[in-house]
Amino acid sequence: MTDYFSFFESLIVISIIAGAITLAATDPKKHRAIRIVLLIIAGILLIIGLGGYFLMSISNVGSYRY
């Protein structure tokens, strides 16, 4: 169970780092399309990570058999 939590936590961290690097490293005027695509990918990873983390925390409620 904790392996899944760590997987979703790592997805959240990777998406935040990817978004920050995208905002810091790309020029908004020259590479507009690339920047939008990279931010969409980072957003998708963030949604998957947050959703999985949320679902794992809900499914763990009331279950004391580890």
Protein backbone atom coordinates (compact mmCIF):
# COMPACT_ATOMS: atom_id res chain seq x y z
CA MET A 1 0.00 0.00 0.00
CA THR A 2 2.81 2.43 0.82
CA ASP A 3 4.44 1.68 -2.54
CA TYR A 4 1.40 3.15 -4.28
CA PHE A 5 1.46 6.22 -2.05
CA SER A 6 5.11 6.84 -2.85
CA PHE A 7 4.41 6.39 -6.59
CA PHE A 8 1.68 9.03 -6.56
CA GLU A 9 3.78 11.34 -4.39
CA SER A 10 6.63 11.05 -6.87
CA LEU A 11 4.23 11.86 -9.74
CA ILE A 12 3.15 15.02 -7.91
CA VAL A 13 6.75 16.08 -7.27
CA ILE A 14 7.82 15.35 -10.87
CA SER A 15 4.92 17.38 -12.26
CA ILE A 16 5.69 20.36 -10.02
CA ILE A 17 9.38 20.25 -10.98
CA ALA A 18 8.52 19.90 -14.68
CA GLY A 19 6.18 22.87 -14.50
CA ALA A 20 8.74 25.02 -12.71
CA ILE A 21 11.49 24.12 -15.16
CA THR A 22 9.17 24.81 -18.09
CA LEU A 23 8.28 28.25 -16.75
CA ALA A 24 11.90 29.10 -15.95
CA ALA A 25 13.69 27.70 -19.00
CA THR A 26 11.48 28.57 -21.97
CA ASP A 27 11.08 31.97 -23.55
CA PRO A 28 7.36 32.80 -23.66
CA LYS A 29 7.56 34.67 -26.95
CA LYS A 30 9.71 32.27 -28.98
CA HIS A 31 8.60 28.84 -27.76
CA ARG A 32 4.94 29.40 -27.02
CA ALA A 33 3.62 26.09 -28.40
CA ILE A 34 6.31 23.99 -26.71
CA ARG A 35 5.68 25.75 -23.43
CA ILE A 36 1.93 25.10 -23.61
CA VAL A 37 2.46 21.41 -24.45
CA LEU A 38 4.94 20.94 -21.58
CA LEU A 39 2.62 22.67 -19.12
CA ILE A 40 -0.28 20.48 -20.27
CA ILE A 41 1.84 17.35 -19.73
CA ALA A 42 2.85 18.58 -16.26
CA GLY A 43 -0.80 19.33 -15.47
CA ILE A 44 -1.89 15.85 -16.55
CA LEU A 45 0.78 14.27 -14.34
CA LEU A 46 -0.34 16.46 -11.44
CA ILE A 47 -3.98 15.46 -11.88
CA ILE A 48 -3.06 11.77 -12.06
CA GLY A 49 -0.87 12.07 -8.97
CA LEU A 50 -3.42 13.99 -6.91
CA GLY A 51 -6.29 11.77 -8.01
CA GLY A 52 -4.42 8.57 -7.27
CA TYR A 53 -3.24 9.86 -3.91
CA PHE A 54 -6.81 10.86 -3.04
CA LEU A 55 -8.26 7.52 -4.12
CA MET A 56 -5.59 5.59 -2.20
CA SER A 57 -6.31 7.60 0.95
CA ILE A 58 -10.06 6.97 0.61
CA SER A 59 -9.60 3.24 0.02
CA ASN A 60 -7.33 3.02 3.05
CA VAL A 61 -9.97 4.44 5.43
CA GLY A 62 -11.36 1.77 7.71
CA SER A 63 -8.98 -0.89 6.50
CA TYR A 64 -6.72 -2.04 9.29
CA ARG A 65 -5.41 -5.13 7.51
CA TYR A 66 -2.05 -4.09 6.11
